[in-house]
Protein backbone atom coordinates (compact mmCIF):
# COMPACT_ATOMS: atom_id res chain seq x y z
CA MET A 1 7.68 14.60 18.01
CA ASN A 2 8.71 11.27 17.80
CA ILE A 3 6.85 8.43 15.92
CA LEU A 4 7.84 4.75 16.24
CA PHE A 5 7.57 2.73 12.93
CA LEU A 6 6.70 -1.26 13.46
CA CYS A 7 9.04 -2.49 11.12
CA ARG A 8 12.93 -3.04 10.77
CA ARG A 9 14.30 0.03 8.83
CA LYS A 10 15.92 -2.36 6.22
CA ASP A 11 11.91 -3.75 5.65
CA LEU A 12 11.05 0.23 4.34
CA GLY A 13 8.92 -0.42 1.22
CA PHE A 14 9.47 3.15 -0.98
CA GLY A 15 5.96 4.16 -0.35
CA GLN A 16 6.64 3.78 3.31
CA ALA A 17 9.95 5.38 3.44
CA SER A 18 8.89 8.14 1.53
CA LEU A 19 5.89 8.65 4.26
CA ALA A 20 8.85 8.63 6.55
CA ARG A 21 11.09 10.95 5.03
CA ALA A 22 8.22 13.08 5.04
CA LEU A 23 7.35 13.18 8.40
CA GLU A 24 10.73 13.91 9.07
CA LYS A 25 10.83 16.87 7.12
CA ARG A 26 8.13 18.53 9.47
CA GLY A 27 10.34 17.33 12.43
CA ALA A 28 9.24 14.40 13.39
CA CYS A 29 11.49 11.74 14.61
CA VAL A 30 10.94 8.16 12.58
CA THR A 31 12.24 5.35 14.47
CA CYS A 32 12.07 1.61 13.49
CA VAL A 33 12.41 -1.39 15.81
CA GLU A 34 15.80 -3.75 16.40
CA ASP A 35 16.73 -6.04 13.61
CA ASP A 36 16.38 -8.53 16.46
CA THR A 37 12.89 -7.57 16.96
CA GLU A 38 10.27 -10.89 17.10
CA PRO A 39 7.09 -10.41 15.29
CA ASP A 40 4.90 -10.75 18.57
CA GLU A 41 7.33 -8.90 20.85
CA ASP A 42 6.03 -7.10 23.65
CA ILE A 43 5.60 -3.21 23.10
CA THR A 44 6.91 -2.53 26.62
CA LYS A 45 10.32 -3.96 25.63
CA LEU A 46 10.08 -1.83 22.09
CA LEU A 47 9.22 1.07 24.02
CA ALA A 48 12.25 0.52 26.62
CA ARG A 49 14.38 0.44 23.63
CA ILE A 50 14.10 3.77 22.17
CA ARG A 51 14.95 6.95 24.05
CA GLU A 52 11.87 9.30 23.58
CA ARG A 53 8.41 8.38 24.08
CA PRO A 54 6.27 8.13 20.94
CA SER A 55 3.64 10.45 19.94
CA MET A 56 2.46 7.79 17.72
CA ILE A 57 2.75 4.02 17.19
CA LEU A 58 2.21 3.25 12.96
CA GLN A 59 2.12 -0.29 11.45
CA PRO A 60 3.32 0.01 7.35
CA GLU A 61 2.07 -2.66 5.29
CA LEU A 62 5.35 -4.84 5.09
CA GLU A 63 6.31 -8.23 4.62
CA PHE A 64 7.98 -8.18 8.44
CA PRO A 65 4.49 -8.87 10.24
CA LEU A 66 5.29 -6.94 13.39
CA LEU A 67 2.07 -6.96 15.72
CA PRO A 68 3.80 -6.06 19.33
CA ARG A 69 1.65 -7.93 22.28
CA GLY A 70 0.01 -5.39 24.41
CA LEU A 71 -0.87 -2.76 21.76
CA THR A 72 -4.06 -2.34 22.91
CA ASP A 73 -2.93 -1.21 26.82
CA ILE A 74 -0.70 1.70 26.17
CA ASP A 75 -1.96 4.71 26.06
CA ILE A 76 -0.54 6.14 22.57
CA PRO A 77 -2.30 6.88 19.36
CA THR A 78 -1.73 3.83 16.78
CA VAL A 79 -2.12 3.51 13.06
CA CYS A 80 -1.92 0.76 10.69
CA LEU A 81 -1.84 1.47 7.03
CA GLN A 82 -4.21 -0.90 5.03
CA ILE A 83 -2.57 -0.45 1.66
CA ASP A 84 -4.08 -2.98 -0.49
CA THR A 85 -7.36 -2.64 1.05
CA TYR A 86 -9.10 -4.85 -1.68
CA ALA A 87 -7.31 -7.65 -0.99
CA TYR A 88 -8.72 -9.91 2.00
CA THR A 89 -10.55 -6.96 3.35
CA GLU A 90 -13.10 -8.69 5.87
CA ARG A 91 -9.48 -9.77 7.54
CA ARG A 92 -8.32 -6.38 7.14
CA ILE A 93 -11.21 -5.06 9.16
CA ARG A 94 -10.72 -7.40 11.97
CA TRP A 95 -7.08 -7.03 12.56
CA SER A 96 -7.77 -3.24 12.16
CA MET A 97 -9.82 -3.21 15.59
CA LEU A 98 -6.68 -3.52 16.86
CA PHE A 99 -5.53 0.59 16.24
CA ASP A 100 -6.70 3.73 16.75
CA HIS A 101 -6.73 4.47 13.53
CA PRO A 102 -6.63 1.97 10.71
CA ILE A 103 -5.79 4.13 7.01
CA VAL A 104 -7.35 2.89 4.02
CA TYR A 105 -5.53 3.46 0.33
CA HIS A 106 -8.56 3.06 -1.88
CA PRO A 107 -12.09 5.15 -1.89
CA GLY A 108 -15.08 3.50 -0.52
CA TYR A 109 -13.51 1.03 2.00
CA GLN A 110 -13.96 3.61 4.72
CA ALA A 111 -17.65 2.91 5.18
CA LEU A 112 -17.09 -0.82 5.30
CA PHE A 113 -14.73 -0.38 8.18
CA GLU A 114 -17.23 2.19 9.80
CA GLN A 115 -19.94 -0.21 9.25
CA ALA A 116 -18.06 -3.03 11.09
CA GLY A 117 -17.82 -0.80 14.02
CA HIS A 118 -14.40 1.46 13.74
CA PRO A 119 -15.01 4.73 14.45
CA GLY A 120 -11.39 6.07 13.75
CA VAL A 121 -11.02 4.84 9.96
CA THR A 122 -9.10 7.42 7.75
CA THR A 123 -9.08 7.55 3.85
CA PHE A 124 -5.44 7.96 2.06
CA PHE A 125 -4.56 7.06 -1.59
CA HIS A 126 -1.30 6.28 -3.19
CA ALA A 127 1.32 9.27 -3.92
CA ALA A 128 4.34 10.14 -5.56
CA CYS A 129 7.65 11.61 -4.16
CA ARG A 130 8.24 15.34 -5.59
CA GLU A 131 12.03 14.97 -5.21
CA LEU A 132 12.04 12.29 -7.90
CA PHE A 133 9.55 13.94 -10.42
CA ASP A 134 9.70 17.93 -9.56
CA LYS A 135 12.72 18.53 -11.43
CA PRO A 136 13.89 20.43 -15.32
CA PRO A 137 12.04 18.86 -18.04
CA VAL A 138 14.23 16.55 -20.35
CA ASP A 139 13.89 15.14 -23.65
CA ARG A 140 10.80 12.26 -23.56
CA ILE A 141 12.73 9.45 -25.61
CA PHE A 142 10.12 6.62 -24.95
CA ASP A 143 6.54 7.08 -26.93
CA VAL A 144 5.51 4.96 -24.01
CA GLY A 145 7.01 4.41 -20.55
CA SER A 146 6.48 1.24 -18.55
CA VAL A 147 7.85 0.19 -15.40
CA GLY A 148 6.45 -2.74 -12.87
CA ARG A 149 5.61 -6.48 -11.97
CA THR A 150 4.92 -8.51 -15.65
CA HIS A 151 5.29 -12.56 -14.40
CA ASN A 152 2.65 -12.82 -11.93
CA SER A 153 -0.86 -14.32 -13.25
CA VAL A 154 -2.41 -11.75 -12.05
CA GLN A 155 -0.72 -9.55 -14.95
CA SER A 156 -1.52 -11.28 -17.95
CA THR A 157 -3.14 -8.28 -19.49
CA ARG A 158 -0.28 -6.23 -18.93
CA ARG A 159 2.06 -8.36 -20.61
CA ARG A 160 -0.23 -8.74 -23.56
CA VAL A 161 -0.77 -4.88 -23.68
CA MET A 162 3.07 -4.25 -23.32
CA THR A 163 4.04 -6.89 -26.12
CA ALA A 164 1.72 -5.59 -28.07
CA LEU A 165 2.66 -1.67 -27.95
CA GLU A 166 6.64 -2.82 -28.12
CA GLY A 167 5.58 -3.93 -31.56
CA ARG A 168 4.69 -0.23 -32.42
CA PHE A 169 6.13 2.10 -30.38
CA ARG A 170 9.66 3.05 -28.62
CA LEU A 171 9.55 1.65 -25.24
CA ASN A 172 11.89 1.31 -22.58
CA GLU A 173 12.96 -2.18 -21.40
CA TRP A 174 9.44 -3.10 -19.88
CA LYS A 175 10.74 -6.58 -18.53
CA LYS A 176 13.36 -5.05 -16.68
CA TRP A 177 13.57 -4.64 -13.02
CA TYR A 178 14.07 -0.72 -12.14
CA SER A 179 15.07 0.90 -8.98
CA TYR A 180 12.36 3.61 -7.48
CA GLU A 181 14.53 6.52 -8.71
CA GLU A 182 15.37 4.53 -12.39
CA MET A 183 11.79 4.13 -12.60
CA ALA A 184 11.07 7.79 -12.24
CA GLU A 185 14.08 9.01 -14.79
CA VAL A 186 12.02 6.35 -17.17
CA TYR A 187 8.64 8.11 -16.61
CA ARG A 188 10.15 11.50 -17.45
CA HIS A 189 11.86 10.28 -20.28
CA SER A 190 8.77 9.03 -21.47
CA LYS A 191 5.43 10.60 -23.03
CA ILE A 192 2.74 8.04 -22.17
CA VAL A 193 2.32 5.83 -19.52
CA VAL A 194 -0.38 3.00 -20.67
CA ASN A 195 -1.44 2.20 -16.85
CA ILE A 196 -2.77 -1.53 -16.76
CA ALA A 197 -3.63 -2.43 -13.44
CA ARG A 198 -3.90 -5.93 -11.64
CA ASP A 199 -6.18 -8.67 -13.61
CA ASP A 200 -8.14 -8.85 -10.35
CA PHE A 201 -8.47 -5.20 -9.50
CA PRO A 202 -8.57 -3.68 -12.68
CA GLN A 203 -9.85 0.08 -11.33
CA ASP A 204 -6.99 0.28 -9.03
CA ALA A 205 -5.40 3.82 -8.89
CA ASN A 206 -2.30 2.18 -8.52
CA MET A 207 1.22 4.02 -7.55
CA ARG A 208 2.11 3.55 -11.19
CA ALA A 209 -0.71 5.94 -12.11
CA PHE A 210 0.43 9.01 -10.05
CA GLU A 211 4.10 8.48 -10.58
CA ALA A 212 3.51 8.74 -14.37
CA MET A 213 1.37 11.83 -13.77
CA ALA A 214 3.63 13.45 -11.32
CA ALA A 215 6.48 12.60 -14.03
CA GLY A 216 4.29 14.81 -16.62
CA CYS A 217 2.90 11.47 -18.82
CA LEU A 218 -0.34 11.68 -20.24
CA LEU A 219 -1.64 8.65 -18.33
CA ILE A 220 -3.78 6.24 -20.18
CA SER A 221 -5.95 4.66 -17.88
CA ARG A 222 -9.06 1.88 -18.06
CA VAL A 223 -12.65 2.94 -16.85
CA PRO A 224 -14.67 2.81 -14.32
CA THR A 225 -11.04 3.76 -12.59
CA GLU A 226 -10.95 4.94 -8.65
CA LEU A 227 -9.12 8.09 -10.42
CA THR A 228 -12.54 9.45 -11.01
CA ALA A 229 -13.70 8.52 -7.47
CA ILE A 230 -10.50 10.59 -6.10
CA GLY A 231 -11.15 13.64 -7.92
CA PHE A 232 -9.39 13.12 -11.59
CA GLU A 233 -11.09 13.49 -14.44
CA GLU A 234 -11.29 11.99 -17.71
CA ASP A 235 -9.69 13.92 -20.63
CA VAL A 236 -8.90 16.63 -18.14
CA HIS A 237 -6.04 14.67 -16.03
CA PHE A 238 -5.61 11.05 -18.29
CA VAL A 239 -7.23 9.87 -20.96
CA ALA A 240 -9.41 6.44 -20.63
CA TYR A 241 -9.80 3.60 -22.30
CA ARG A 242 -12.99 0.87 -22.14
CA GLY A 243 -11.47 -1.53 -24.24
CA GLU A 244 -7.81 -3.01 -24.78
CA ASP A 245 -8.55 -2.60 -28.47
CA GLU A 246 -8.38 1.12 -27.75
CA ILE A 247 -5.14 1.67 -26.69
CA MET A 248 -2.99 1.85 -29.75
CA ASN A 249 -5.46 4.03 -31.07
CA LEU A 250 -5.58 6.52 -28.36
CA ALA A 251 -1.59 5.92 -28.03
CA GLU A 252 -0.84 7.00 -31.76
CA SER A 253 -3.38 9.95 -31.74
CA TYR A 254 -1.84 11.45 -28.57
CA LEU A 255 2.00 10.57 -29.87
CA LEU A 256 1.28 13.00 -33.31
CA ASP A 257 -0.54 15.89 -31.30
CA ASP A 258 2.13 17.15 -28.94
CA ALA A 259 -0.23 20.26 -27.73
CA LYS A 260 -3.16 17.99 -27.01
CA ARG A 261 -0.97 15.35 -25.11
CA ALA A 262 0.77 18.06 -23.38
CA ARG A 263 -3.00 19.93 -22.24
CA VAL A 264 -3.71 16.84 -20.31
CA ALA A 265 -0.50 16.22 -18.96
CA ASP A 266 0.16 19.04 -17.64
CA ALA A 267 -3.18 18.93 -15.83
CA GLY A 268 -2.62 15.51 -14.45
CA ARG A 269 0.64 16.68 -13.27
CA LEU A 270 0.02 19.95 -11.20
CA LYS A 271 -3.27 17.67 -9.10
CA VAL A 272 -0.56 15.12 -8.32
CA LEU A 273 1.93 17.45 -7.08
CA MET A 274 -0.45 19.69 -5.62
CA GLN A 275 -2.78 17.25 -3.82
CA HIS A 276 -1.15 13.65 -3.76
CA THR A 277 2.89 13.96 -2.52
CA TYR A 278 3.97 12.02 0.61
CA ASP A 279 4.37 15.32 2.16
CA CYS A 280 0.48 15.54 1.69
CA ARG A 281 0.23 12.34 3.19
CA ALA A 282 2.16 13.28 6.30
CA GLU A 283 0.62 16.27 6.65
CA GLN A 284 -2.69 14.28 6.62
CA LEU A 285 -0.99 11.53 9.54
CA LEU A 286 0.28 14.37 11.46
CA ARG A 287 -3.90 15.80 11.58
CA ILE A 288 -4.63 12.81 13.70
CA LEU A 289 -2.15 13.62 16.62
CA GLU A 290 -4.61 17.21 16.51
CA GLU A 291 -7.70 15.17 18.09
CA PRO A 292 -9.01 17.61 20.70
CA ASP A 293 -9.74 15.07 22.98
CA GLY A 294 -7.35 12.99 22.76
CA ARG A 295 -9.18 9.76 22.41
CA LEU A 296 -7.77 6.17 21.54
CA PHE A 297 -10.56 4.62 19.06
CA ALA A 298 -9.54 1.12 18.82
CA PRO A 299 -12.39 -0.90 19.48
CA ALA A 300 -10.35 -4.14 20.91
CA ARG A 301 -9.47 -1.71 23.81
CA GLY A 302 -12.58 -3.18 25.50
CA TRP A 303 -12.30 -6.54 24.33
CA SER A 304 -11.44 -9.36 26.47
CA GLU A 305 -7.68 -10.67 26.46
CA ASP A 306 -8.87 -13.96 24.60
CA GLN A 307 -10.84 -11.92 21.83
CA VAL A 308 -7.63 -9.92 21.21
CA ARG A 309 -5.56 -12.93 21.18
CA LEU A 310 -7.61 -14.22 18.56
CA VAL A 311 -7.65 -11.66 16.15
CA ARG A 312 -3.73 -11.50 16.41
CA LEU A 313 -3.48 -15.47 15.78
CA ASP A 314 -5.32 -14.64 12.56
CA TYR A 315 -3.14 -12.08 11.82
CA PHE A 316 0.02 -13.95 12.20
CA ALA A 317 -1.56 -17.21 10.44
CA ALA A 318 -2.71 -15.01 7.42
CA ASN A 319 1.15 -13.46 7.30
CA SER A 320 3.07 -17.26 7.84
CA ARG A 321 4.14 -16.82 10.81
CA LEU A 322 2.94 -20.26 12.43
CA ASP A 323 5.33 -19.85 15.56
CA CYS A 324 3.35 -16.23 16.82
CA ALA A 325 0.46 -17.72 15.69
CA SER A 326 0.93 -20.99 17.93
CA ARG A 327 1.76 -19.10 20.97
CA GLU A 328 -1.21 -17.09 20.89
CA LEU A 329 -3.26 -20.39 20.54
CA ARG A 330 -1.57 -21.71 23.75
CA GLN A 331 -2.71 -19.30 25.42
CA ILE A 332 -6.13 -19.10 24.29
CA ALA A 333 -6.21 -22.74 25.30
CA ARG A 334 -5.47 -22.25 28.94
CA ARG A 335 -8.67 -20.35 29.16
CA ASP A 336 -11.24 -20.91 26.34
CA VAL A 337 -11.89 -24.30 24.45
CA ARG A 338 -14.41 -22.25 22.20
CA SER A 339 -11.90 -19.60 21.12
CA ALA A 340 -9.46 -22.24 20.87
CA ALA A 341 -11.33 -24.29 18.59
CA ALA A 342 -11.75 -21.64 16.40
CA GLY A 343 -7.85 -20.53 16.51
CA SER A 344 -6.79 -24.03 15.53
CA ALA A 345 -8.91 -23.64 12.23
CA LEU A 346 -6.99 -20.68 11.60
CA VAL A 347 -3.62 -22.37 12.42
CA GLY A 348 -4.87 -25.34 10.25
CA ARG A 349 -5.89 -23.47 7.13
CA ALA A 350 -2.51 -21.28 7.12
CA LEU A 351 -0.79 -24.64 7.49
CA ALA A 352 -2.78 -26.01 4.61
CA ASN A 353 -2.31 -23.11 2.54
CA ARG A 354 1.48 -23.00 3.14
CA VAL A 355 1.85 -27.12 1.85
CA ARG A 356 -0.41 -26.04 -1.29
CA SER A 357 2.23 -23.13 -2.07
CA ARG A 358 5.34 -25.86 -1.68
CA VAL A 359 3.55 -27.91 -3.74
CA ARG A 360 3.19 -25.46 -6.65
CA SER A 361 6.74 -24.54 -6.57
CA TRP A 362 8.07 -27.87 -6.27
CA PHE A 363 5.70 -28.69 -9.93
CA ARG A 364 7.05 -25.38 -11.04
CA ARG A 365 10.64 -26.38 -10.33
CA GLY A 366 9.82 -29.10 -12.90
CA HIS A 367 9.88 -32.59 -10.76
């Protein structure tokens, strides 16, 4: 079984790479495209470069925006990961129409894709890499462990909370960048992880939540949270706070009671290692190939060429590949003036966003 990942090997993020390794453990051969591949390469050329015809083609969500031409014409099941489903949801729904199986990573979004007319959508959740966490116990030298970004505008709450915790408890160097292996060791040496999600999506059941629980930390997380929709229970698998003013007292209380802390932490760890590892996600993905009638679900397989090109244009414009978007626009303009006008607006909006971004960067540098 061969699965073609629509990315270069060097672009694989940790989650996607962990999924690939889990698939390989189950006998799949995971192939990535070559480094000189263009984002809008023809799918037939990509297939001609690999030895074995793939059983599945998967587009991971990465910074390299590869969306091959002809994807809706081949008789191979196609999958796209919509990991940050909460961001640009309407556009993600449009792009997903080109694929047989969109996979959304947050509870509640599958219904939105189905209401938009996609019959093949599936829900995954974030996961933990068993190999990094299922190890013998070590001394937990940090009261609170923290790994993750803190410098963006959407992480202001996290910076504020971690600064306050640092003044009262023993923490690792939480502003430092860590590799994934180093992250796992920080959590394995920590008693508690306080999960502060993005300011613009505070209910996020993010990777940190799963990794912290897999490491055997007590997870303290804000409610309402997606964790409860996924099946985690407050005071059973994690501890909840509703306001920032509760965090300090919760951390102190559980640090003073090892048995109480271990009871919740052990339950969370067991649930993650049983149900939310990349091995579990690989099994879910492989079940897609077991569709009994081999049906290909992508709605765009029945669309006109210009309809497909307009969605491709939107995808490339949103991902700042204006060269690819412009090529789609030129093809559309040859046949359909109305679609060309819509495409021109998308390219113009992307160009304006690029200019604004460069201006902000220019001012940040002190000009």
